[in-house]
């Protein structure tokens, strides 16, 4: 059913989707048609960006990865993501600055920011209306936050998710 592919973090071959990627039983979430939701993951650590994109893709979302804030802005102009998930601490344009630029370009886009050192960025994030998740992110926690952000966006837009 799934093609074999290399998982970048664990460096092994995946021949089927692990259970936590695809089932509502493990997330406790009911989703309808997540495939129409485009998600952009931004992290300068390629293995993290690619792994998060894999988790989201296997869960039915259309997920793409960018490896810098600058490339995220370029990709987002074409992709028009519904949600951006970004690391904060990156060389060049950091995650908060990237989110602020993307918010100007895509006012309805939602954001999930994460960091291995959230306390270092907490004040600036909160001043700009962002919450921070702590890295590393467990797949089920990530999926719960993605679902919550998309549900909130659907309510604001008057549509059902």
N, C-alpha and C. Protein backbone atom coordinates (compact mmCIF):
# COMPACT_ATOMS: atom_id res chain seq x y z
N UNK A 1 0.82 -1.19 0.00
CA UNK A 1 0.00 0.00 0.00
C UNK A 1 0.87 1.25 0.00
N UNK A 2 1.92 1.32 0.79
CA UNK A 2 2.82 2.45 0.81
C UNK A 2 4.15 2.05 0.18
N UNK A 3 4.72 2.95 -0.60
CA UNK A 3 6.01 2.68 -1.21
C UNK A 3 7.09 2.73 -0.14
N UNK A 4 8.17 2.02 -0.38
CA UNK A 4 9.28 2.05 0.55
C UNK A 4 9.98 3.39 0.42
N UNK A 5 10.33 3.99 1.55
CA UNK A 5 11.07 5.23 1.52
C UNK A 5 11.99 5.30 2.73
N UNK A 6 12.99 6.13 2.64
CA UNK A 6 13.95 6.24 3.74
C UNK A 6 13.48 7.30 4.71
N UNK A 7 13.41 6.95 5.97
CA UNK A 7 13.04 7.89 7.02
C UNK A 7 14.33 8.59 7.47
N UNK A 8 14.44 9.92 7.30
CA UNK A 8 15.70 10.60 7.53
C UNK A 8 16.24 10.55 8.95
N UNK A 9 15.37 10.52 9.96
CA UNK A 9 15.88 10.57 11.32
C UNK A 9 16.37 9.21 11.78
N UNK A 10 15.63 8.17 11.50
CA UNK A 10 16.03 6.86 12.00
C UNK A 10 16.88 6.08 11.00
N UNK A 11 17.05 6.61 9.80
CA UNK A 11 17.91 6.01 8.78
C UNK A 11 17.59 4.54 8.54
N UNK A 12 16.32 4.24 8.38
CA UNK A 12 15.93 2.88 8.06
C UNK A 12 14.84 2.92 7.00
N UNK A 13 14.54 1.79 6.43
CA UNK A 13 13.51 1.73 5.40
C UNK A 13 12.15 1.57 6.05
N UNK A 14 11.20 2.35 5.59
CA UNK A 14 9.82 2.25 6.07
C UNK A 14 9.01 1.58 4.97
N UNK A 15 8.40 0.45 5.26
CA UNK A 15 7.64 -0.26 4.25
C UNK A 15 6.14 -0.14 4.45
N UNK A 16 5.74 0.43 5.55
CA UNK A 16 4.33 0.69 5.79
C UNK A 16 4.26 1.86 6.76
N UNK A 17 3.09 2.46 6.84
CA UNK A 17 2.92 3.60 7.73
C UNK A 17 2.84 3.12 9.17
N UNK A 18 3.66 3.67 10.07
CA UNK A 18 3.50 3.32 11.48
C UNK A 18 2.12 3.74 11.96
N UNK A 19 1.60 3.03 12.95
CA UNK A 19 0.24 3.22 13.40
C UNK A 19 -0.07 4.67 13.78
N UNK A 20 0.86 5.36 14.45
CA UNK A 20 0.52 6.71 14.91
C UNK A 20 0.37 7.71 13.78
N UNK A 21 0.74 7.37 12.58
CA UNK A 21 0.61 8.30 11.48
C UNK A 21 -0.81 8.37 10.93
N UNK A 22 -1.57 7.30 11.02
CA UNK A 22 -2.79 7.25 10.25
C UNK A 22 -4.08 7.01 11.01
N UNK A 23 -4.04 6.68 12.27
CA UNK A 23 -5.28 6.28 12.90
C UNK A 23 -5.82 7.32 13.87
N UNK A 24 -7.12 7.41 13.94
CA UNK A 24 -7.77 8.30 14.90
C UNK A 24 -7.66 7.76 16.31
N UNK A 25 -7.49 6.43 16.46
CA UNK A 25 -7.40 5.84 17.79
C UNK A 25 -6.19 6.35 18.54
N UNK A 26 -5.09 6.58 17.86
CA UNK A 26 -3.87 7.02 18.54
C UNK A 26 -3.86 8.51 18.79
N UNK A 27 -4.57 9.30 18.00
CA UNK A 27 -4.58 10.75 18.20
C UNK A 27 -5.80 11.20 18.98
N UNK A 28 -6.86 10.39 18.97
CA UNK A 28 -8.10 10.80 19.59
C UNK A 28 -8.83 11.87 18.79
N UNK A 29 -8.44 12.05 17.53
CA UNK A 29 -9.01 13.11 16.71
C UNK A 29 -9.87 12.54 15.60
N UNK A 30 -10.91 13.24 15.29
CA UNK A 30 -11.70 12.93 14.12
C UNK A 30 -11.44 14.04 13.11
N UNK A 31 -10.93 13.66 11.96
CA UNK A 31 -10.67 14.66 10.94
C UNK A 31 -11.44 14.31 9.70
N UNK A 32 -11.82 15.33 8.96
CA UNK A 32 -12.47 15.08 7.69
C UNK A 32 -11.70 15.81 6.62
N UNK A 33 -11.30 15.12 5.61
CA UNK A 33 -10.62 15.65 4.46
C UNK A 33 -9.43 16.55 4.78
N UNK A 34 -8.43 16.03 5.54
CA UNK A 34 -7.28 16.87 5.83
C UNK A 34 -6.42 17.14 4.61
N UNK A 35 -6.58 16.33 3.55
CA UNK A 35 -5.71 16.47 2.39
C UNK A 35 -5.80 17.85 1.74
N UNK A 36 -6.91 18.54 1.93
CA UNK A 36 -7.05 19.87 1.34
C UNK A 36 -6.29 20.93 2.15
N UNK A 37 -5.78 20.54 3.30
CA UNK A 37 -5.05 21.47 4.15
C UNK A 37 -3.56 21.40 3.82
N UNK A 38 -3.03 22.52 3.28
CA UNK A 38 -1.62 22.58 2.93
C UNK A 38 -0.82 23.09 4.12
N UNK A 39 0.22 22.34 4.48
CA UNK A 39 1.04 22.69 5.63
C UNK A 39 2.48 22.83 5.17
N UNK A 40 3.12 23.91 5.62
CA UNK A 40 4.53 24.15 5.34
C UNK A 40 5.30 24.02 6.63
N UNK A 41 6.31 23.15 6.64
CA UNK A 41 7.17 22.95 7.79
C UNK A 41 8.48 23.65 7.52
N UNK A 42 8.97 24.44 8.48
CA UNK A 42 10.20 25.20 8.32
C UNK A 42 11.17 24.85 9.44
N UNK A 43 12.32 24.32 9.06
CA UNK A 43 13.37 24.03 10.04
C UNK A 43 14.69 23.92 9.29
N UNK A 44 15.73 24.53 9.84
CA UNK A 44 17.04 24.45 9.20
C UNK A 44 17.66 23.08 9.37
N UNK A 45 17.16 22.27 10.29
CA UNK A 45 17.59 20.89 10.42
C UNK A 45 16.72 20.06 9.47
N UNK A 46 17.30 19.71 8.32
CA UNK A 46 16.53 19.04 7.27
C UNK A 46 15.85 17.77 7.75
N UNK A 47 16.53 17.00 8.59
CA UNK A 47 15.93 15.74 9.04
C UNK A 47 14.66 15.99 9.85
N UNK A 48 14.63 17.06 10.62
CA UNK A 48 13.43 17.37 11.39
C UNK A 48 12.31 17.84 10.46
N UNK A 49 12.62 18.77 9.56
CA UNK A 49 11.61 19.27 8.62
C UNK A 49 11.04 18.12 7.78
N UNK A 50 11.92 17.26 7.28
CA UNK A 50 11.47 16.14 6.44
C UNK A 50 10.65 15.13 7.24
N UNK A 51 11.05 14.87 8.48
CA UNK A 51 10.30 13.92 9.31
C UNK A 51 8.92 14.45 9.66
N UNK A 52 8.83 15.73 10.02
CA UNK A 52 7.52 16.31 10.31
C UNK A 52 6.64 16.30 9.07
N UNK A 53 7.22 16.59 7.91
CA UNK A 53 6.45 16.54 6.66
C UNK A 53 5.96 15.12 6.39
N UNK A 54 6.79 14.14 6.68
CA UNK A 54 6.41 12.74 6.49
C UNK A 54 5.26 12.36 7.42
N UNK A 55 5.36 12.75 8.68
CA UNK A 55 4.30 12.45 9.65
C UNK A 55 2.97 13.06 9.18
N UNK A 56 3.01 14.31 8.77
CA UNK A 56 1.79 14.98 8.34
C UNK A 56 1.26 14.41 7.03
N UNK A 57 2.14 14.08 6.11
CA UNK A 57 1.71 13.47 4.84
C UNK A 57 1.05 12.13 5.08
N UNK A 58 1.64 11.34 5.95
CA UNK A 58 1.08 10.03 6.26
C UNK A 58 -0.24 10.13 7.01
N UNK A 59 -0.50 11.30 7.57
CA UNK A 59 -1.76 11.53 8.27
C UNK A 59 -2.79 12.19 7.38
N UNK A 60 -2.47 12.34 6.10
CA UNK A 60 -3.44 12.81 5.13
C UNK A 60 -3.34 14.27 4.74
N UNK A 61 -2.39 14.99 5.30
CA UNK A 61 -2.23 16.40 4.95
C UNK A 61 -1.27 16.54 3.77
N UNK A 62 -1.38 17.64 3.08
CA UNK A 62 -0.44 17.98 2.02
C UNK A 62 0.67 18.80 2.68
N UNK A 63 1.82 18.16 2.92
CA UNK A 63 2.90 18.80 3.69
C UNK A 63 4.14 18.99 2.83
N UNK A 64 4.76 20.15 2.98
CA UNK A 64 6.00 20.48 2.28
C UNK A 64 6.99 21.01 3.30
N UNK A 65 8.29 20.90 2.99
CA UNK A 65 9.34 21.35 3.90
C UNK A 65 10.13 22.48 3.27
N UNK A 66 10.53 23.43 4.10
CA UNK A 66 11.46 24.50 3.73
C UNK A 66 12.57 24.48 4.78
N UNK A 67 13.78 24.82 4.37
CA UNK A 67 14.93 24.68 5.26
C UNK A 67 15.50 26.00 5.75
N UNK A 68 14.79 27.09 5.51
CA UNK A 68 15.18 28.40 6.04
C UNK A 68 13.95 29.31 6.01
N UNK A 69 14.03 30.38 6.77
CA UNK A 69 12.94 31.35 6.75
C UNK A 69 12.76 31.99 5.39
N UNK A 70 13.88 32.29 4.75
CA UNK A 70 13.83 32.92 3.43
C UNK A 70 13.17 31.99 2.40
N UNK A 71 13.55 30.71 2.42
CA UNK A 71 12.94 29.79 1.46
C UNK A 71 11.47 29.55 1.78
N UNK A 72 11.10 29.62 3.05
CA UNK A 72 9.69 29.46 3.44
C UNK A 72 8.83 30.56 2.84
N UNK A 73 9.34 31.79 2.87
CA UNK A 73 8.59 32.92 2.30
C UNK A 73 8.42 32.73 0.80
N UNK A 74 9.47 32.30 0.14
CA UNK A 74 9.41 32.07 -1.31
C UNK A 74 8.41 30.95 -1.64
N UNK A 75 8.51 29.83 -0.94
CA UNK A 75 7.62 28.69 -1.18
C UNK A 75 6.16 29.04 -0.86
N UNK A 76 5.95 29.76 0.24
CA UNK A 76 4.59 30.10 0.68
C UNK A 76 3.85 30.96 -0.34
N UNK A 77 4.57 31.76 -1.09
CA UNK A 77 3.92 32.60 -2.09
C UNK A 77 3.26 31.76 -3.18
N UNK A 78 3.81 30.60 -3.46
CA UNK A 78 3.23 29.69 -4.44
C UNK A 78 2.28 28.69 -3.79
N UNK A 79 2.69 28.15 -2.66
CA UNK A 79 1.95 27.09 -1.99
C UNK A 79 0.68 27.60 -1.29
N UNK A 80 0.71 28.82 -0.78
CA UNK A 80 -0.39 29.38 0.02
C UNK A 80 -0.84 28.39 1.10
N UNK A 81 0.05 28.11 2.06
CA UNK A 81 -0.30 27.12 3.08
C UNK A 81 -1.42 27.59 4.00
N UNK A 82 -2.15 26.63 4.52
CA UNK A 82 -3.18 26.87 5.51
C UNK A 82 -2.55 27.04 6.89
N UNK A 83 -1.42 26.32 7.08
CA UNK A 83 -0.73 26.29 8.37
C UNK A 83 0.77 26.23 8.12
N UNK A 84 1.53 26.99 8.92
CA UNK A 84 2.99 26.93 8.88
C UNK A 84 3.46 26.47 10.26
N UNK A 85 4.32 25.45 10.26
CA UNK A 85 4.93 24.94 11.48
C UNK A 85 6.41 25.25 11.37
N UNK A 86 6.93 26.07 12.29
CA UNK A 86 8.30 26.52 12.15
C UNK A 86 9.10 26.45 13.44
N UNK A 87 10.36 26.03 13.28
CA UNK A 87 11.32 26.16 14.35
C UNK A 87 11.59 27.66 14.51
N UNK A 88 11.98 28.09 15.68
CA UNK A 88 12.26 29.50 15.89
C UNK A 88 13.73 29.80 15.63
N UNK A 89 14.60 29.01 16.22
CA UNK A 89 16.02 29.31 16.15
C UNK A 89 16.63 28.74 14.87
N UNK A 90 16.83 29.64 13.90
CA UNK A 90 17.42 29.27 12.61
C UNK A 90 18.37 30.39 12.19
N UNK A 91 19.40 30.05 11.42
CA UNK A 91 20.27 31.11 10.90
C UNK A 91 19.51 31.97 9.91
N UNK A 92 19.94 33.21 9.76
CA UNK A 92 19.23 34.12 8.85
C UNK A 92 17.94 34.58 9.50
N UNK A 93 16.85 34.44 8.78
CA UNK A 93 15.54 34.85 9.26
C UNK A 93 15.02 33.81 10.26
N UNK A 94 14.84 34.21 11.52
CA UNK A 94 14.37 33.24 12.52
C UNK A 94 12.88 32.94 12.33
N UNK A 95 12.38 31.99 13.08
CA UNK A 95 11.00 31.54 12.91
C UNK A 95 9.95 32.59 13.23
N UNK A 96 10.19 33.42 14.23
CA UNK A 96 9.21 34.46 14.56
C UNK A 96 9.17 35.50 13.44
N UNK A 97 10.34 35.93 12.97
CA UNK A 97 10.39 36.90 11.87
C UNK A 97 9.76 36.33 10.61
N UNK A 98 10.01 35.06 10.36
CA UNK A 98 9.41 34.39 9.20
C UNK A 98 7.89 34.40 9.32
N UNK A 99 7.38 34.04 10.50
CA UNK A 99 5.93 34.02 10.71
C UNK A 99 5.32 35.41 10.55
N UNK A 100 6.02 36.43 11.02
CA UNK A 100 5.50 37.80 10.88
C UNK A 100 5.44 38.22 9.41
N UNK A 101 6.45 37.85 8.63
CA UNK A 101 6.44 38.16 7.19
C UNK A 101 5.33 37.39 6.48
N UNK A 102 5.18 36.11 6.83
CA UNK A 102 4.15 35.29 6.21
C UNK A 102 2.75 35.77 6.59
N UNK A 103 2.60 36.26 7.80
CA UNK A 103 1.30 36.78 8.24
C UNK A 103 0.87 37.97 7.37
N UNK A 104 1.84 38.79 6.95
CA UNK A 104 1.54 39.91 6.06
C UNK A 104 1.09 39.41 4.69
N UNK A 105 1.75 38.37 4.18
CA UNK A 105 1.44 37.82 2.86
C UNK A 105 0.17 36.98 2.86
N UNK A 106 -0.04 36.24 3.93
CA UNK A 106 -1.15 35.28 4.03
C UNK A 106 -1.89 35.50 5.34
N UNK A 107 -2.76 36.50 5.40
CA UNK A 107 -3.40 36.85 6.68
C UNK A 107 -4.25 35.76 7.31
N UNK A 108 -4.74 34.80 6.54
CA UNK A 108 -5.57 33.74 7.13
C UNK A 108 -4.75 32.52 7.55
N UNK A 109 -3.47 32.52 7.26
CA UNK A 109 -2.60 31.39 7.60
C UNK A 109 -2.43 31.31 9.12
N UNK A 110 -2.38 30.09 9.62
CA UNK A 110 -2.17 29.84 11.05
C UNK A 110 -0.71 29.41 11.26
N UNK A 111 -0.23 29.53 12.51
CA UNK A 111 1.17 29.24 12.80
C UNK A 111 1.32 28.42 14.07
N UNK A 112 2.24 27.46 14.01
CA UNK A 112 2.69 26.73 15.17
C UNK A 112 4.21 26.90 15.19
N UNK A 113 4.73 27.48 16.27
CA UNK A 113 6.17 27.67 16.40
C UNK A 113 6.70 26.72 17.46
N UNK A 114 7.92 26.23 17.26
CA UNK A 114 8.52 25.35 18.24
C UNK A 114 10.00 25.67 18.40
N UNK A 115 10.54 25.26 19.56
CA UNK A 115 11.94 25.52 19.85
C UNK A 115 12.44 24.56 20.91
N UNK A 116 13.71 24.24 20.82
CA UNK A 116 14.35 23.46 21.88
C UNK A 116 14.58 24.31 23.12
N UNK A 117 14.53 25.64 22.95
CA UNK A 117 14.74 26.58 24.05
C UNK A 117 13.62 27.62 24.06
N UNK A 118 12.39 27.20 24.36
CA UNK A 118 11.25 28.11 24.24
C UNK A 118 11.34 29.33 25.15
N UNK A 119 11.93 29.17 26.34
CA UNK A 119 12.00 30.29 27.28
C UNK A 119 12.79 31.46 26.71
N UNK A 120 13.73 31.21 25.82
CA UNK A 120 14.54 32.27 25.22
C UNK A 120 13.74 33.14 24.26
N UNK A 121 12.62 32.62 23.78
CA UNK A 121 11.83 33.32 22.76
C UNK A 121 10.42 33.66 23.21
N UNK A 122 10.07 33.27 24.42
CA UNK A 122 8.69 33.35 24.89
C UNK A 122 8.12 34.77 24.84
N UNK A 123 8.84 35.74 25.36
CA UNK A 123 8.31 37.11 25.42
C UNK A 123 8.04 37.66 24.01
N UNK A 124 9.00 37.52 23.12
CA UNK A 124 8.82 38.03 21.76
C UNK A 124 7.68 37.31 21.04
N UNK A 125 7.59 36.00 21.23
CA UNK A 125 6.51 35.23 20.59
C UNK A 125 5.15 35.71 21.10
N UNK A 126 5.01 35.83 22.41
CA UNK A 126 3.73 36.25 22.98
C UNK A 126 3.36 37.67 22.58
N UNK A 127 4.35 38.56 22.47
CA UNK A 127 4.08 39.93 22.04
C UNK A 127 3.49 39.96 20.62
N UNK A 128 3.82 38.96 19.83
CA UNK A 128 3.34 38.89 18.45
C UNK A 128 2.19 37.90 18.26
N UNK A 129 1.65 37.40 19.37
CA UNK A 129 0.48 36.54 19.30
C UNK A 129 0.75 35.09 18.95
N UNK A 130 1.97 34.61 19.21
CA UNK A 130 2.32 33.22 18.91
C UNK A 130 2.54 32.44 20.20
N UNK A 131 2.20 31.17 20.16
CA UNK A 131 2.53 30.24 21.23
C UNK A 131 3.70 29.40 20.76
N UNK A 132 4.45 28.85 21.69
CA UNK A 132 5.61 28.03 21.35
C UNK A 132 5.45 26.64 21.94
N UNK A 133 5.69 25.63 21.12
CA UNK A 133 5.77 24.25 21.59
C UNK A 133 7.23 23.91 21.83
N UNK A 134 7.47 22.99 22.76
CA UNK A 134 8.83 22.57 23.07
C UNK A 134 9.24 21.40 22.21
N UNK A 135 10.44 21.51 21.67
CA UNK A 135 11.03 20.46 20.85
C UNK A 135 11.78 19.52 21.78
N UNK A 136 11.76 18.21 21.57
CA UNK A 136 11.18 17.51 20.43
C UNK A 136 9.66 17.35 20.57
N UNK A 137 9.01 17.25 19.42
CA UNK A 137 7.56 17.10 19.37
C UNK A 137 7.20 15.64 19.16
N UNK A 138 6.37 15.10 20.03
CA UNK A 138 5.85 13.76 19.82
C UNK A 138 4.83 13.83 18.68
N UNK A 139 4.79 12.83 17.81
CA UNK A 139 3.85 12.88 16.68
C UNK A 139 2.40 13.11 17.09
N UNK A 140 1.94 12.47 18.15
CA UNK A 140 0.55 12.65 18.55
C UNK A 140 0.29 14.08 19.04
N UNK A 141 1.26 14.66 19.74
CA UNK A 141 1.12 16.05 20.20
C UNK A 141 1.09 16.99 19.01
N UNK A 142 1.99 16.78 18.06
CA UNK A 142 2.00 17.59 16.85
C UNK A 142 0.65 17.52 16.14
N UNK A 143 0.14 16.32 15.94
CA UNK A 143 -1.13 16.15 15.23
C UNK A 143 -2.29 16.81 15.99
N UNK A 144 -2.27 16.76 17.31
CA UNK A 144 -3.32 17.41 18.10
C UNK A 144 -3.27 18.92 17.91
N UNK A 145 -2.08 19.49 17.91
CA UNK A 145 -1.95 20.94 17.71
C UNK A 145 -2.34 21.35 16.29
N UNK A 146 -1.95 20.55 15.32
CA UNK A 146 -2.33 20.83 13.93
C UNK A 146 -3.85 20.82 13.81
N UNK A 147 -4.47 19.80 14.35
CA UNK A 147 -5.92 19.69 14.29
C UNK A 147 -6.59 20.89 14.97
N UNK A 148 -6.10 21.28 16.14
CA UNK A 148 -6.68 22.41 16.87
C UNK A 148 -6.55 23.71 16.08
N UNK A 149 -5.39 23.95 15.49
CA UNK A 149 -5.20 25.18 14.70
C UNK A 149 -6.12 25.20 13.49
N UNK A 150 -6.24 24.07 12.81
CA UNK A 150 -7.10 24.02 11.63
C UNK A 150 -8.57 24.13 11.99
N UNK A 151 -8.96 23.56 13.13
CA UNK A 151 -10.34 23.70 13.60
C UNK A 151 -10.65 25.15 13.93
N UNK A 152 -9.70 25.82 14.61
CA UNK A 152 -9.88 27.22 14.96
C UNK A 152 -9.98 28.08 13.71
N UNK A 153 -9.16 27.79 12.72
CA UNK A 153 -9.21 28.55 11.46
C UNK A 153 -10.55 28.34 10.77
N UNK A 154 -11.04 27.11 10.76
CA UNK A 154 -12.33 26.82 10.12
C UNK A 154 -13.46 27.59 10.81
N UNK A 155 -13.41 27.66 12.14
CA UNK A 155 -14.44 28.40 12.88
C UNK A 155 -14.39 29.88 12.54
N UNK A 156 -13.18 30.43 12.42
CA UNK A 156 -13.04 31.85 12.10
C UNK A 156 -13.52 32.15 10.68
N UNK A 157 -13.34 31.16 9.78
CA UNK A 157 -13.76 31.35 8.39
C UNK A 157 -15.20 30.94 8.17
N UNK A 158 -15.86 30.40 9.21
CA UNK A 158 -17.25 30.02 9.10
C UNK A 158 -17.48 28.71 8.36
N UNK A 159 -16.43 27.91 8.22
CA UNK A 159 -16.56 26.63 7.52
C UNK A 159 -16.30 25.50 8.50
N UNK A 160 -16.79 24.34 8.17
CA UNK A 160 -16.52 23.15 8.99
C UNK A 160 -15.24 22.48 8.53
N UNK A 161 -14.46 22.00 9.47
CA UNK A 161 -13.19 21.36 9.14
C UNK A 161 -13.36 19.89 8.89
